[in-house]
């Protein structure tokens, strides 16, 4: 599975240079602290997952909206980044928003490399499965994004692996997510699991959203 996941940390530090050189630095990921999704990054999680070269610094996780570049350095308790905004309209706008406070949070995009085959994961006990899913022990850094306040991207997006190069594209796949695979396995085997409930809740929310969009479309079309 090469699903890209995203996390935001409320206490992450982010600093933008006061001069006009366009520099910035910050903590993109903190270790040993449970995030809003109930997962915890363990120390040295990116020890084999950081490229030596520059990464694309994105706006709101969109590969179509690069706003700069950065380099990553793993410390004992966090992942630190140093970067430079692009001297473009998008880069300058993002820098202004970071300094004003309207968009000064960081969100990290990564691919987990510590998970076993989904079938092996499905056959684990509830306790072992929760420990495996909730503790991120190894991952590959994909990108870091500047985002507006509390606008972390939804986890579990069906995305292909993205290389750390400016202009790389995220494209949707038709494959089920890991959560969907586990939920289907649990339902098939009569297992009342939390992940099955979460997937069903997400399915219902998406269905309500589709119905609302269709109702709005037909209402507008009928006027």
N, C-alpha and C. Protein backbone atom coordinates (compact mmCIF):
# COMPACT_ATOMS: atom_id res chain seq x y z
N UNK A 1 0.84 -1.19 0.00
CA UNK A 1 0.00 0.00 0.00
C UNK A 1 0.89 1.25 0.00
N UNK A 2 0.59 2.19 -0.90
CA UNK A 2 1.36 3.43 -0.97
C UNK A 2 0.45 4.64 -0.76
N UNK A 3 -0.41 4.57 0.23
CA UNK A 3 -1.32 5.66 0.49
C UNK A 3 -0.60 6.82 1.17
N UNK A 4 -0.81 8.00 0.65
CA UNK A 4 -0.24 9.18 1.27
C UNK A 4 -1.16 9.65 2.38
N UNK A 5 -0.59 9.87 3.55
CA UNK A 5 -1.34 10.37 4.69
C UNK A 5 -0.83 11.75 5.07
N UNK A 6 -1.66 12.50 5.79
CA UNK A 6 -1.29 13.86 6.18
C UNK A 6 -1.54 14.06 7.66
N UNK A 7 -0.69 14.84 8.30
CA UNK A 7 -0.86 15.15 9.72
C UNK A 7 -0.50 16.61 9.97
N UNK A 8 -1.19 17.18 10.95
CA UNK A 8 -0.88 18.53 11.41
C UNK A 8 -0.69 18.46 12.92
N UNK A 9 0.24 19.25 13.44
CA UNK A 9 0.51 19.28 14.87
C UNK A 9 0.26 20.69 15.39
N UNK A 10 -0.63 20.79 16.37
CA UNK A 10 -1.03 22.09 16.89
C UNK A 10 0.13 22.89 17.46
N UNK A 11 1.12 22.20 18.01
CA UNK A 11 2.21 22.91 18.67
C UNK A 11 3.46 23.03 17.80
N UNK A 12 3.34 22.68 16.53
CA UNK A 12 4.50 22.76 15.64
C UNK A 12 4.94 24.22 15.47
N UNK A 13 6.24 24.43 15.40
CA UNK A 13 6.79 25.77 15.25
C UNK A 13 7.01 26.08 13.77
N UNK A 14 6.74 27.34 13.41
CA UNK A 14 6.92 27.77 12.03
C UNK A 14 7.34 29.23 12.04
N UNK A 15 8.49 29.52 11.46
CA UNK A 15 9.03 30.88 11.47
C UNK A 15 9.37 31.32 10.05
N UNK A 16 8.98 32.55 9.74
CA UNK A 16 9.26 33.14 8.43
C UNK A 16 10.23 34.29 8.63
N UNK A 17 11.26 34.37 7.79
CA UNK A 17 12.26 35.41 7.92
C UNK A 17 11.67 36.81 7.85
N UNK A 18 12.23 37.72 8.63
CA UNK A 18 11.73 39.10 8.65
C UNK A 18 12.19 39.91 7.44
N UNK A 19 13.29 39.49 6.83
CA UNK A 19 13.78 40.24 5.68
C UNK A 19 13.10 39.76 4.41
N UNK A 20 13.62 40.16 3.28
CA UNK A 20 12.97 39.86 2.01
C UNK A 20 13.60 38.68 1.27
N UNK A 21 14.41 37.87 1.97
CA UNK A 21 15.08 36.77 1.27
C UNK A 21 14.18 35.55 1.08
N UNK A 22 13.01 35.54 1.72
CA UNK A 22 12.05 34.47 1.50
C UNK A 22 12.32 33.19 2.25
N UNK A 23 13.15 33.22 3.28
CA UNK A 23 13.47 32.00 4.01
C UNK A 23 12.40 31.67 5.05
N UNK A 24 12.32 30.40 5.41
CA UNK A 24 11.44 29.96 6.48
C UNK A 24 12.01 28.69 7.09
N UNK A 25 11.59 28.37 8.30
CA UNK A 25 11.99 27.12 8.94
C UNK A 25 10.95 26.75 9.97
N UNK A 26 10.93 25.49 10.34
CA UNK A 26 9.94 25.07 11.31
C UNK A 26 10.01 23.59 11.62
N UNK A 27 9.13 23.16 12.51
CA UNK A 27 8.99 21.76 12.90
C UNK A 27 7.77 21.21 12.18
N UNK A 28 8.00 20.29 11.26
CA UNK A 28 6.90 19.75 10.46
C UNK A 28 6.24 18.55 11.11
N UNK A 29 6.96 17.88 12.01
CA UNK A 29 6.42 16.66 12.62
C UNK A 29 7.05 16.47 13.99
N UNK A 30 6.24 16.19 15.00
CA UNK A 30 6.74 15.97 16.35
C UNK A 30 6.60 14.50 16.72
N UNK A 31 7.58 13.99 17.45
CA UNK A 31 7.61 12.58 17.80
C UNK A 31 7.13 12.36 19.24
N UNK A 32 6.53 11.21 19.46
CA UNK A 32 6.11 10.83 20.80
C UNK A 32 4.86 11.53 21.30
N UNK A 33 4.13 12.22 20.41
CA UNK A 33 2.90 12.91 20.80
C UNK A 33 1.76 12.43 19.92
N UNK A 34 0.66 12.07 20.56
CA UNK A 34 -0.50 11.58 19.82
C UNK A 34 -1.14 12.73 19.05
N UNK A 35 -1.40 12.51 17.76
CA UNK A 35 -2.01 13.55 16.95
C UNK A 35 -3.53 13.42 16.97
N UNK A 36 -4.19 14.28 16.19
CA UNK A 36 -5.66 14.31 16.20
C UNK A 36 -6.28 13.06 15.60
N UNK A 37 -5.48 12.23 14.91
CA UNK A 37 -5.99 10.99 14.34
C UNK A 37 -5.72 9.79 15.23
N UNK A 38 -5.15 10.05 16.42
CA UNK A 38 -4.88 8.97 17.35
C UNK A 38 -3.61 8.21 17.07
N UNK A 39 -2.78 8.72 16.16
CA UNK A 39 -1.52 8.05 15.85
C UNK A 39 -0.34 8.81 16.46
N UNK A 40 0.77 8.10 16.64
CA UNK A 40 1.96 8.69 17.24
C UNK A 40 3.18 8.36 16.39
N UNK A 41 3.92 9.39 16.00
CA UNK A 41 5.18 9.19 15.29
C UNK A 41 6.26 8.83 16.32
N UNK A 42 6.92 7.72 16.10
CA UNK A 42 7.99 7.31 16.99
C UNK A 42 9.31 7.97 16.57
N UNK A 43 10.24 8.16 17.52
CA UNK A 43 11.53 8.79 17.19
C UNK A 43 12.24 8.07 16.04
N UNK A 44 12.90 8.86 15.21
CA UNK A 44 13.66 8.37 14.05
C UNK A 44 12.76 7.69 13.01
N UNK A 45 11.51 8.10 12.95
CA UNK A 45 10.57 7.49 12.03
C UNK A 45 10.99 7.69 10.57
N UNK A 46 11.68 8.80 10.27
CA UNK A 46 12.09 9.09 8.90
C UNK A 46 13.57 8.78 8.65
N UNK A 47 14.18 7.94 9.49
CA UNK A 47 15.62 7.70 9.40
C UNK A 47 16.04 7.16 8.03
N UNK A 48 15.14 6.43 7.36
CA UNK A 48 15.45 5.93 6.02
C UNK A 48 14.53 6.54 4.97
N UNK A 49 13.82 7.58 5.34
CA UNK A 49 12.81 8.10 4.43
C UNK A 49 12.94 9.57 4.09
N UNK A 50 14.16 10.11 4.17
CA UNK A 50 14.38 11.51 3.81
C UNK A 50 15.36 11.60 2.66
N UNK A 51 14.99 12.31 1.62
CA UNK A 51 15.89 12.54 0.49
C UNK A 51 16.93 13.60 0.86
N UNK A 52 18.10 13.49 0.27
CA UNK A 52 19.15 14.47 0.53
C UNK A 52 18.90 15.79 -0.20
N UNK A 53 18.18 15.71 -1.31
CA UNK A 53 17.91 16.91 -2.09
C UNK A 53 16.74 17.71 -1.56
N UNK A 54 16.34 18.70 -2.35
CA UNK A 54 15.25 19.58 -1.96
C UNK A 54 13.90 18.96 -2.27
N UNK A 55 12.94 19.27 -1.42
CA UNK A 55 11.55 18.84 -1.60
C UNK A 55 10.72 20.02 -2.09
N UNK A 56 9.62 19.72 -2.73
CA UNK A 56 8.66 20.75 -3.08
C UNK A 56 7.87 21.15 -1.84
N UNK A 57 7.75 22.43 -1.63
CA UNK A 57 6.95 22.99 -0.54
C UNK A 57 5.63 23.41 -1.18
N UNK A 58 4.52 22.81 -0.73
CA UNK A 58 3.24 22.97 -1.42
C UNK A 58 2.26 23.84 -0.64
N UNK A 59 1.27 24.31 -1.37
CA UNK A 59 0.16 25.05 -0.78
C UNK A 59 -1.02 24.10 -0.64
N UNK A 60 -1.44 23.84 0.59
CA UNK A 60 -2.62 23.02 0.89
C UNK A 60 -2.55 21.63 0.25
N UNK A 61 -1.36 21.04 0.21
CA UNK A 61 -1.15 19.68 -0.29
C UNK A 61 -1.45 19.52 -1.78
N UNK A 62 -1.50 20.60 -2.51
CA UNK A 62 -1.77 20.50 -3.95
C UNK A 62 -0.46 20.44 -4.73
N UNK A 63 -0.23 19.35 -5.48
CA UNK A 63 0.99 19.26 -6.29
C UNK A 63 0.99 20.25 -7.44
N UNK A 64 -0.17 20.85 -7.70
CA UNK A 64 -0.27 21.84 -8.76
C UNK A 64 0.08 23.25 -8.26
N UNK A 65 0.31 23.38 -6.93
CA UNK A 65 0.56 24.70 -6.34
C UNK A 65 1.83 24.71 -5.49
N UNK A 66 2.99 24.50 -6.10
CA UNK A 66 4.24 24.62 -5.33
C UNK A 66 4.51 26.08 -5.00
N UNK A 67 4.98 26.33 -3.79
CA UNK A 67 5.24 27.72 -3.38
C UNK A 67 6.69 27.90 -2.92
N UNK A 68 7.48 26.83 -2.99
CA UNK A 68 8.87 26.93 -2.59
C UNK A 68 9.53 25.57 -2.53
N UNK A 69 10.69 25.52 -1.91
CA UNK A 69 11.42 24.27 -1.71
C UNK A 69 11.95 24.25 -0.28
N UNK A 70 12.27 23.04 0.20
CA UNK A 70 12.84 22.92 1.54
C UNK A 70 13.70 21.67 1.63
N UNK A 71 14.52 21.63 2.65
CA UNK A 71 15.30 20.45 2.99
C UNK A 71 14.92 20.02 4.40
N UNK A 72 14.92 18.71 4.62
CA UNK A 72 14.48 18.17 5.91
C UNK A 72 15.65 17.58 6.68
N UNK A 73 15.57 17.71 8.00
CA UNK A 73 16.61 17.20 8.88
C UNK A 73 15.93 16.59 10.11
N UNK A 74 16.18 15.32 10.37
CA UNK A 74 15.53 14.66 11.49
C UNK A 74 16.33 14.84 12.78
N UNK A 75 15.67 15.39 13.80
CA UNK A 75 16.26 15.56 15.12
C UNK A 75 15.73 14.45 16.04
N UNK A 76 16.15 14.47 17.30
CA UNK A 76 15.74 13.41 18.23
C UNK A 76 14.23 13.37 18.44
N UNK A 77 13.60 14.55 18.52
CA UNK A 77 12.19 14.60 18.88
C UNK A 77 11.29 15.21 17.82
N UNK A 78 11.85 15.55 16.67
CA UNK A 78 11.02 16.19 15.65
C UNK A 78 11.72 16.19 14.30
N UNK A 79 10.93 16.51 13.27
CA UNK A 79 11.44 16.67 11.91
C UNK A 79 11.50 18.17 11.62
N UNK A 80 12.70 18.67 11.36
CA UNK A 80 12.91 20.10 11.14
C UNK A 80 13.10 20.37 9.66
N UNK A 81 12.57 21.50 9.19
CA UNK A 81 12.75 21.87 7.79
C UNK A 81 13.27 23.30 7.68
N UNK A 82 14.09 23.54 6.66
CA UNK A 82 14.56 24.87 6.29
C UNK A 82 14.24 25.06 4.82
N UNK A 83 13.62 26.20 4.48
CA UNK A 83 13.22 26.36 3.09
C UNK A 83 13.28 27.78 2.57
N UNK A 84 12.90 27.89 1.31
CA UNK A 84 12.92 29.17 0.61
C UNK A 84 11.67 29.28 -0.25
N UNK A 85 10.93 30.37 -0.07
CA UNK A 85 9.75 30.60 -0.91
C UNK A 85 10.18 30.91 -2.34
N UNK A 86 9.38 30.45 -3.30
CA UNK A 86 9.61 30.80 -4.69
C UNK A 86 9.38 32.30 -4.89
N UNK A 87 10.16 32.90 -5.77
CA UNK A 87 9.95 34.30 -6.10
C UNK A 87 8.91 34.41 -7.21
N UNK A 88 7.71 33.94 -6.88
CA UNK A 88 6.57 33.96 -7.79
C UNK A 88 5.40 34.59 -7.04
N UNK A 89 4.33 34.86 -7.77
CA UNK A 89 3.15 35.44 -7.11
C UNK A 89 2.63 34.51 -6.02
N UNK A 90 2.59 33.20 -6.32
CA UNK A 90 2.09 32.24 -5.34
C UNK A 90 3.01 32.17 -4.13
N UNK A 91 4.33 32.17 -4.37
CA UNK A 91 5.28 32.12 -3.28
C UNK A 91 5.21 33.36 -2.40
N UNK A 92 5.12 34.52 -3.03
CA UNK A 92 5.04 35.76 -2.25
C UNK A 92 3.74 35.84 -1.47
N UNK A 93 2.64 35.40 -2.08
CA UNK A 93 1.35 35.41 -1.38
C UNK A 93 1.38 34.49 -0.16
N UNK A 94 1.97 33.30 -0.32
CA UNK A 94 2.04 32.35 0.79
C UNK A 94 2.88 32.92 1.93
N UNK A 95 3.94 33.60 1.58
CA UNK A 95 4.81 34.21 2.60
C UNK A 95 4.05 35.29 3.36
N UNK A 96 3.29 36.11 2.66
CA UNK A 96 2.50 37.16 3.30
C UNK A 96 1.46 36.55 4.24
N UNK A 97 0.81 35.46 3.80
CA UNK A 97 -0.21 34.81 4.63
C UNK A 97 0.40 34.15 5.86
N UNK A 98 1.62 33.64 5.71
CA UNK A 98 2.30 33.05 6.87
C UNK A 98 2.62 34.12 7.90
N UNK A 99 3.07 35.27 7.43
CA UNK A 99 3.44 36.35 8.35
C UNK A 99 2.22 37.01 8.98
N UNK A 100 1.10 37.05 8.25
CA UNK A 100 -0.10 37.67 8.81
C UNK A 100 -0.82 36.76 9.80
N UNK A 101 -0.58 35.44 9.67
CA UNK A 101 -1.24 34.48 10.55
C UNK A 101 -2.43 33.79 9.93
N UNK A 102 -2.83 34.18 8.73
CA UNK A 102 -4.00 33.55 8.10
C UNK A 102 -3.70 32.15 7.60
N UNK A 103 -2.42 31.87 7.35
CA UNK A 103 -2.02 30.53 6.90
C UNK A 103 -0.59 30.29 7.35
N UNK A 104 -0.43 29.93 8.61
CA UNK A 104 0.92 29.76 9.12
C UNK A 104 1.10 28.42 9.82
N UNK A 105 0.40 27.39 9.36
CA UNK A 105 0.58 26.06 9.92
C UNK A 105 1.20 25.13 8.88
N UNK A 106 1.89 24.12 9.37
CA UNK A 106 2.52 23.13 8.51
C UNK A 106 1.81 21.79 8.63
N UNK A 107 1.72 21.09 7.53
CA UNK A 107 1.15 19.75 7.51
C UNK A 107 2.08 18.86 6.70
N UNK A 108 2.39 17.70 7.24
CA UNK A 108 3.35 16.80 6.61
C UNK A 108 2.63 15.70 5.84
N UNK A 109 3.12 15.42 4.62
CA UNK A 109 2.60 14.33 3.81
C UNK A 109 3.63 13.21 3.77
N UNK A 110 3.19 11.99 4.01
CA UNK A 110 4.13 10.88 4.13
C UNK A 110 3.49 9.56 3.69
N UNK A 111 4.32 8.58 3.45
CA UNK A 111 3.87 7.22 3.14
C UNK A 111 4.46 6.29 4.18
N UNK A 112 3.63 5.50 4.83
CA UNK A 112 4.13 4.56 5.83
C UNK A 112 4.88 3.41 5.18
N UNK A 113 5.99 3.02 5.79
CA UNK A 113 6.78 1.90 5.29
C UNK A 113 6.93 0.81 6.35
N UNK A 114 6.14 0.91 7.41
CA UNK A 114 6.26 -0.04 8.52
C UNK A 114 5.09 -1.02 8.60
N UNK A 115 4.18 -0.96 7.66
CA UNK A 115 3.00 -1.81 7.74
C UNK A 115 3.20 -3.14 7.02
N UNK A 116 2.73 -4.23 7.60
CA UNK A 116 2.80 -5.52 6.92
C UNK A 116 1.75 -5.59 5.82
N UNK A 117 1.73 -6.68 5.08
CA UNK A 117 0.68 -6.89 4.10
C UNK A 117 -0.68 -6.78 4.78
N UNK A 118 -1.65 -6.21 4.08
CA UNK A 118 -2.94 -5.94 4.71
C UNK A 118 -3.62 -7.20 5.22
N UNK A 119 -3.39 -8.34 4.56
CA UNK A 119 -4.00 -9.59 5.02
C UNK A 119 -3.43 -10.01 6.37
N UNK A 120 -2.12 -9.84 6.54
CA UNK A 120 -1.50 -10.16 7.82
C UNK A 120 -2.02 -9.22 8.90
N UNK A 121 -2.19 -7.96 8.54
CA UNK A 121 -2.71 -6.98 9.47
C UNK A 121 -4.15 -7.31 9.85
N UNK A 122 -4.92 -7.77 8.88
CA UNK A 122 -6.32 -8.10 9.13
C UNK A 122 -6.46 -9.26 10.11
N UNK A 123 -5.53 -10.19 10.07
CA UNK A 123 -5.61 -11.38 10.91
C UNK A 123 -5.09 -11.15 12.33
N UNK A 124 -4.53 -9.97 12.59
CA UNK A 124 -4.03 -9.68 13.94
C UNK A 124 -5.17 -9.54 14.93
N UNK A 125 -4.84 -9.69 16.21
CA UNK A 125 -5.81 -9.40 17.26
C UNK A 125 -6.09 -7.90 17.28
N UNK A 126 -7.18 -7.50 17.90
CA UNK A 126 -7.51 -6.08 17.97
C UNK A 126 -6.38 -5.28 18.61
N UNK A 127 -5.80 -5.82 19.67
CA UNK A 127 -4.74 -5.12 20.38
C UNK A 127 -3.50 -4.94 19.51
N UNK A 128 -3.08 -6.00 18.83
CA UNK A 128 -1.89 -5.92 17.98
C UNK A 128 -2.14 -5.02 16.78
N UNK A 129 -3.33 -5.10 16.22
CA UNK A 129 -3.64 -4.26 15.06
C UNK A 129 -3.63 -2.79 15.45
N UNK A 130 -4.24 -2.46 16.58
CA UNK A 130 -4.27 -1.07 17.03
C UNK A 130 -2.86 -0.55 17.28
N UNK A 131 -2.02 -1.38 17.89
CA UNK A 131 -0.64 -0.96 18.16
C UNK A 131 0.11 -0.70 16.86
N UNK A 132 -0.10 -1.55 15.87
CA UNK A 132 0.58 -1.40 14.58
C UNK A 132 0.11 -0.17 13.84
N UNK A 133 -1.20 0.05 13.82
CA UNK A 133 -1.75 1.18 13.08
C UNK A 133 -1.51 2.52 13.77
N UNK A 134 -1.54 2.52 15.09
CA UNK A 134 -1.47 3.79 15.82
C UNK A 134 -0.06 4.26 16.13
N UNK A 135 0.94 3.42 15.92
CA UNK A 135 2.32 3.81 16.15
C UNK A 135 3.09 3.77 14.83
N UNK A 136 3.44 4.95 14.35
CA UNK A 136 4.14 5.06 13.07
C UNK A 136 5.64 4.96 13.34
N UNK A 137 6.22 3.84 12.96
CA UNK A 137 7.63 3.57 13.30
C UNK A 137 8.58 3.80 12.14
N UNK A 138 8.06 3.81 10.93
CA UNK A 138 8.91 4.03 9.76
C UNK A 138 8.05 4.63 8.65
N UNK A 139 8.56 5.69 8.03
CA UNK A 139 7.79 6.35 6.97
C UNK A 139 8.73 7.07 6.02
N UNK A 140 8.22 7.37 4.84
CA UNK A 140 8.97 8.13 3.84
C UNK A 140 8.32 9.49 3.67
N UNK A 141 9.11 10.53 3.81
CA UNK A 141 8.60 11.89 3.66
C UNK A 141 8.30 12.16 2.19
N UNK A 142 7.12 12.71 1.92
CA UNK A 142 6.72 13.03 0.56
C UNK A 142 6.73 14.54 0.32
N UNK A 143 6.13 15.29 1.22
CA UNK A 143 6.10 16.73 1.08
C UNK A 143 5.67 17.37 2.38
N UNK A 144 5.84 18.67 2.46
CA UNK A 144 5.31 19.47 3.56
C UNK A 144 4.54 20.62 2.93
N UNK A 145 3.38 20.92 3.51
CA UNK A 145 2.54 21.98 2.97
C UNK A 145 2.29 23.07 3.99
N UNK A 146 2.11 24.27 3.48
CA UNK A 146 1.62 25.37 4.30
C UNK A 146 0.11 25.38 4.16
N UNK A 147 -0.59 25.43 5.28
CA UNK A 147 -2.04 25.34 5.24
C UNK A 147 -2.67 26.43 6.09
N UNK A 148 -3.94 26.69 5.82
CA UNK A 148 -4.68 27.64 6.64
C UNK A 148 -5.02 26.99 7.97
N UNK A 149 -5.37 27.79 8.94
CA UNK A 149 -5.57 27.31 10.30
C UNK A 149 -6.55 26.15 10.36
N UNK A 150 -6.09 25.06 10.99
CA UNK A 150 -6.91 23.87 11.27
C UNK A 150 -7.49 23.24 10.01
N UNK A 151 -6.77 23.34 8.89
CA UNK A 151 -7.28 22.79 7.64
C UNK A 151 -6.47 21.59 7.19
N UNK A 152 -6.14 20.69 8.12
CA UNK A 152 -5.39 19.49 7.76
C UNK A 152 -6.19 18.66 6.77
N UNK A 153 -5.49 18.07 5.81
CA UNK A 153 -6.17 17.28 4.79
C UNK A 153 -6.74 16.01 5.39
N UNK A 154 -7.76 15.48 4.75
CA UNK A 154 -8.41 14.27 5.22
C UNK A 154 -7.49 13.07 5.02
N UNK A 155 -7.30 12.24 6.04
CA UNK A 155 -6.43 11.07 5.89
C UNK A 155 -7.08 10.01 5.03
N UNK A 156 -6.28 9.12 4.50
CA UNK A 156 -6.82 8.01 3.73
C UNK A 156 -7.10 8.33 2.29
N UNK A 157 -6.62 9.47 1.77
CA UNK A 157 -6.86 9.81 0.38
C UNK A 157 -6.25 8.75 -0.53
N UNK A 158 -6.94 8.43 -1.61
CA UNK A 158 -6.45 7.41 -2.54
C UNK A 158 -5.48 8.06 -3.51
N UNK A 159 -4.22 8.09 -3.14
CA UNK A 159 -3.22 8.75 -3.96
C UNK A 159 -2.07 7.82 -4.27
N UNK A 160 -1.51 7.97 -5.44
CA UNK A 160 -0.32 7.21 -5.79
C UNK A 160 0.89 7.81 -5.09
N UNK A 161 1.94 7.02 -5.01
CA UNK A 161 3.18 7.51 -4.42
C UNK A 161 3.69 8.71 -5.21
N UNK A 162 4.16 9.71 -4.49
CA UNK A 162 4.65 10.93 -5.12
C UNK A 162 6.14 11.06 -4.86
N UNK A 163 6.91 11.31 -5.89
CA UNK A 163 8.33 11.51 -5.71
C UNK A 163 8.58 12.95 -5.27
N UNK A 164 9.67 13.15 -4.55
CA UNK A 164 9.97 14.47 -4.01
C UNK A 164 10.60 15.35 -5.09
N UNK A 165 9.82 15.68 -6.10
CA UNK A 165 10.32 16.53 -7.17
C UNK A 165 9.26 17.57 -7.51
N UNK A 166 9.69 18.76 -7.77
CA UNK A 166 8.77 19.83 -8.11
C UNK A 166 8.01 19.46 -9.38
N UNK A 167 6.70 19.55 -9.31
CA UNK A 167 5.89 19.24 -10.47
C UNK A 167 5.36 17.82 -10.49
N UNK A 168 5.75 16.97 -9.53
CA UNK A 168 5.19 15.62 -9.49
C UNK A 168 3.70 15.72 -9.23
N UNK A 169 2.94 14.80 -9.81
CA UNK A 169 1.49 14.90 -9.73
C UNK A 169 0.90 13.81 -8.86
N UNK A 170 -0.12 14.19 -8.08
CA UNK A 170 -0.89 13.22 -7.32
C UNK A 170 -2.06 12.81 -8.22
N UNK A 171 -2.24 11.53 -8.42
CA UNK A 171 -3.36 11.07 -9.21
C UNK A 171 -4.13 10.02 -8.44
N UNK A 172 -5.43 10.08 -8.52
CA UNK A 172 -6.26 9.14 -7.79
C UNK A 172 -6.17 7.75 -8.40
N UNK A 173 -6.32 6.75 -7.56
CA UNK A 173 -6.36 5.37 -8.02
C UNK A 173 -7.72 4.79 -7.69
N UNK A 174 -8.05 3.69 -8.34
CA UNK A 174 -9.33 3.06 -8.06
C UNK A 174 -9.24 1.99 -7.00
N UNK A 175 -8.07 1.79 -6.42
CA UNK A 175 -7.89 0.74 -5.42
C UNK A 175 -8.47 1.16 -4.08
N UNK A 176 -9.00 0.20 -3.32
CA UNK A 176 -9.51 0.53 -1.98
C UNK A 176 -8.36 0.91 -1.05
N UNK A 177 -8.66 1.73 -0.07
CA UNK A 177 -7.65 2.10 0.91
C UNK A 177 -7.42 0.94 1.87
N UNK A 178 -6.37 1.05 2.67
CA UNK A 178 -6.10 0.03 3.67
C UNK A 178 -7.27 -0.09 4.64
N UNK A 179 -7.82 1.04 5.06
CA UNK A 179 -8.95 1.02 5.98
C UNK A 179 -10.15 0.29 5.37
N UNK A 180 -10.40 0.54 4.08
CA UNK A 180 -11.51 -0.13 3.41
C UNK A 180 -11.28 -1.63 3.29
N UNK A 181 -10.04 -2.03 3.04
CA UNK A 181 -9.73 -3.46 2.97
C UNK A 181 -9.96 -4.14 4.32
N UNK A 182 -9.48 -3.50 5.38
CA UNK A 182 -9.64 -4.08 6.71
C UNK A 182 -11.10 -4.13 7.13
N UNK A 183 -11.84 -3.08 6.80
CA UNK A 183 -13.26 -3.05 7.15
C UNK A 183 -14.02 -4.16 6.42
N UNK A 184 -13.71 -4.37 5.14
CA UNK A 184 -14.36 -5.43 4.38
C UNK A 184 -14.04 -6.80 4.96
N UNK A 185 -12.78 -6.99 5.35
CA UNK A 185 -12.36 -8.26 5.97
C UNK A 185 -13.12 -8.49 7.27
N UNK A 186 -13.22 -7.46 8.09
CA UNK A 186 -13.89 -7.59 9.38
C UNK A 186 -15.38 -7.91 9.20
N UNK A 187 -16.01 -7.25 8.25
CA UNK A 187 -17.44 -7.53 8.01
C UNK A 187 -17.63 -8.96 7.52
N UNK A 188 -16.75 -9.40 6.64
CA UNK A 188 -16.85 -10.75 6.09
C UNK A 188 -16.68 -11.82 7.18
N UNK A 189 -15.86 -11.50 8.18
CA UNK A 189 -15.59 -12.47 9.25
C UNK A 189 -16.38 -12.17 10.53
N UNK A 190 -17.38 -11.31 10.42
CA UNK A 190 -18.24 -11.02 11.55
C UNK A 190 -17.54 -10.35 12.71
N UNK A 191 -16.55 -9.54 12.40
CA UNK A 191 -15.75 -8.87 13.43
C UNK A 191 -16.23 -7.44 13.61
N UNK A 192 -16.67 -7.11 14.81
CA UNK A 192 -17.20 -5.78 15.10
C UNK A 192 -16.04 -4.86 15.50
N UNK A 193 -15.39 -4.26 14.50
CA UNK A 193 -14.19 -3.47 14.76
C UNK A 193 -14.47 -1.98 14.62
N UNK A 194 -13.62 -1.19 15.26
CA UNK A 194 -13.76 0.27 15.20
C UNK A 194 -13.53 0.77 13.78
N UNK A 195 -12.59 0.14 13.08
CA UNK A 195 -12.26 0.61 11.73
C UNK A 195 -13.42 0.38 10.77
N UNK A 196 -14.17 -0.71 10.99
CA UNK A 196 -15.34 -0.96 10.15
C UNK A 196 -16.40 0.11 10.37
N UNK A 197 -16.59 0.52 11.62
CA UNK A 197 -17.55 1.58 11.93
C UNK A 197 -17.11 2.91 11.32
N UNK A 198 -15.80 3.19 11.39
CA UNK A 198 -15.29 4.45 10.85
C UNK A 198 -15.47 4.52 9.34
N UNK A 199 -15.19 3.41 8.66
CA UNK A 199 -15.34 3.38 7.20
C UNK A 199 -16.80 3.53 6.81
N UNK A 200 -17.69 2.89 7.55
CA UNK A 200 -19.12 3.01 7.26
C UNK A 200 -19.60 4.44 7.51
N UNK A 201 -19.12 5.06 8.57
CA UNK A 201 -19.49 6.44 8.85
C UNK A 201 -19.02 7.37 7.74
N UNK A 202 -17.79 7.13 7.27
CA UNK A 202 -17.25 7.94 6.18
C UNK A 202 -18.06 7.74 4.90
N UNK A 203 -18.46 6.49 4.65
CA UNK A 203 -19.26 6.20 3.45
C UNK A 203 -20.59 6.95 3.50
N UNK A 204 -21.22 6.97 4.67
CA UNK A 204 -22.50 7.66 4.81
C UNK A 204 -22.34 9.17 4.64
N UNK A 205 -21.25 9.71 5.18
CA UNK A 205 -21.00 11.14 5.03
C UNK A 205 -20.80 11.51 3.57
N UNK A 206 -20.06 10.67 2.84
CA UNK A 206 -19.84 10.94 1.43
C UNK A 206 -21.13 10.82 0.64
N UNK A 207 -21.97 9.87 1.01
CA UNK A 207 -23.25 9.70 0.32
C UNK A 207 -24.15 10.90 0.56
N UNK A 208 -24.17 11.41 1.80
CA UNK A 208 -24.98 12.60 2.09
C UNK A 208 -24.46 13.80 1.31
N UNK A 209 -23.14 13.91 1.20
CA UNK A 209 -22.55 15.02 0.46
C UNK A 209 -22.92 14.94 -1.02
N UNK A 210 -22.89 13.71 -1.58
CA UNK A 210 -23.27 13.54 -2.98
C UNK A 210 -24.73 13.89 -3.21
N UNK A 211 -25.58 13.47 -2.28
CA UNK A 211 -27.01 13.78 -2.41
C UNK A 211 -27.26 15.28 -2.32
N UNK A 212 -26.56 15.94 -1.41
CA UNK A 212 -26.72 17.38 -1.26
C UNK A 212 -26.27 18.10 -2.53
N UNK A 213 -25.15 17.64 -3.10
CA UNK A 213 -24.64 18.25 -4.33
C UNK A 213 -25.61 18.03 -5.48
N UNK A 214 -26.17 16.81 -5.56
CA UNK A 214 -27.13 16.51 -6.62
C UNK A 214 -28.40 17.34 -6.47
N UNK A 215 -28.87 17.49 -5.23
CA UNK A 215 -30.07 18.29 -4.98
C UNK A 215 -29.84 19.74 -5.37
N UNK A 216 -28.67 20.26 -5.05
CA UNK A 216 -28.35 21.64 -5.41
C UNK A 216 -28.28 21.80 -6.91
N UNK A 217 -27.70 20.80 -7.59
CA UNK A 217 -27.56 20.86 -9.04
C UNK A 217 -28.93 20.82 -9.71
N UNK A 218 -29.79 19.90 -9.26
CA UNK A 218 -31.11 19.79 -9.88
C UNK A 218 -31.98 21.00 -9.57
N UNK A 219 -31.80 21.59 -8.38
CA UNK A 219 -32.57 22.78 -8.01
C UNK A 219 -32.17 23.96 -8.89
N UNK A 220 -30.86 24.13 -9.07
CA UNK A 220 -30.37 25.21 -9.92
C UNK A 220 -30.79 24.99 -11.36
N UNK A 221 -30.71 23.73 -11.80
CA UNK A 221 -31.07 23.42 -13.18
C UNK A 221 -32.54 23.59 -13.47
N UNK A 222 -33.36 23.48 -12.40
CA UNK A 222 -34.79 23.58 -12.62
C UNK A 222 -35.32 24.99 -12.55
N UNK A 223 -34.45 25.94 -12.17
CA UNK A 223 -34.92 27.32 -12.06
C UNK A 223 -34.74 28.06 -13.37
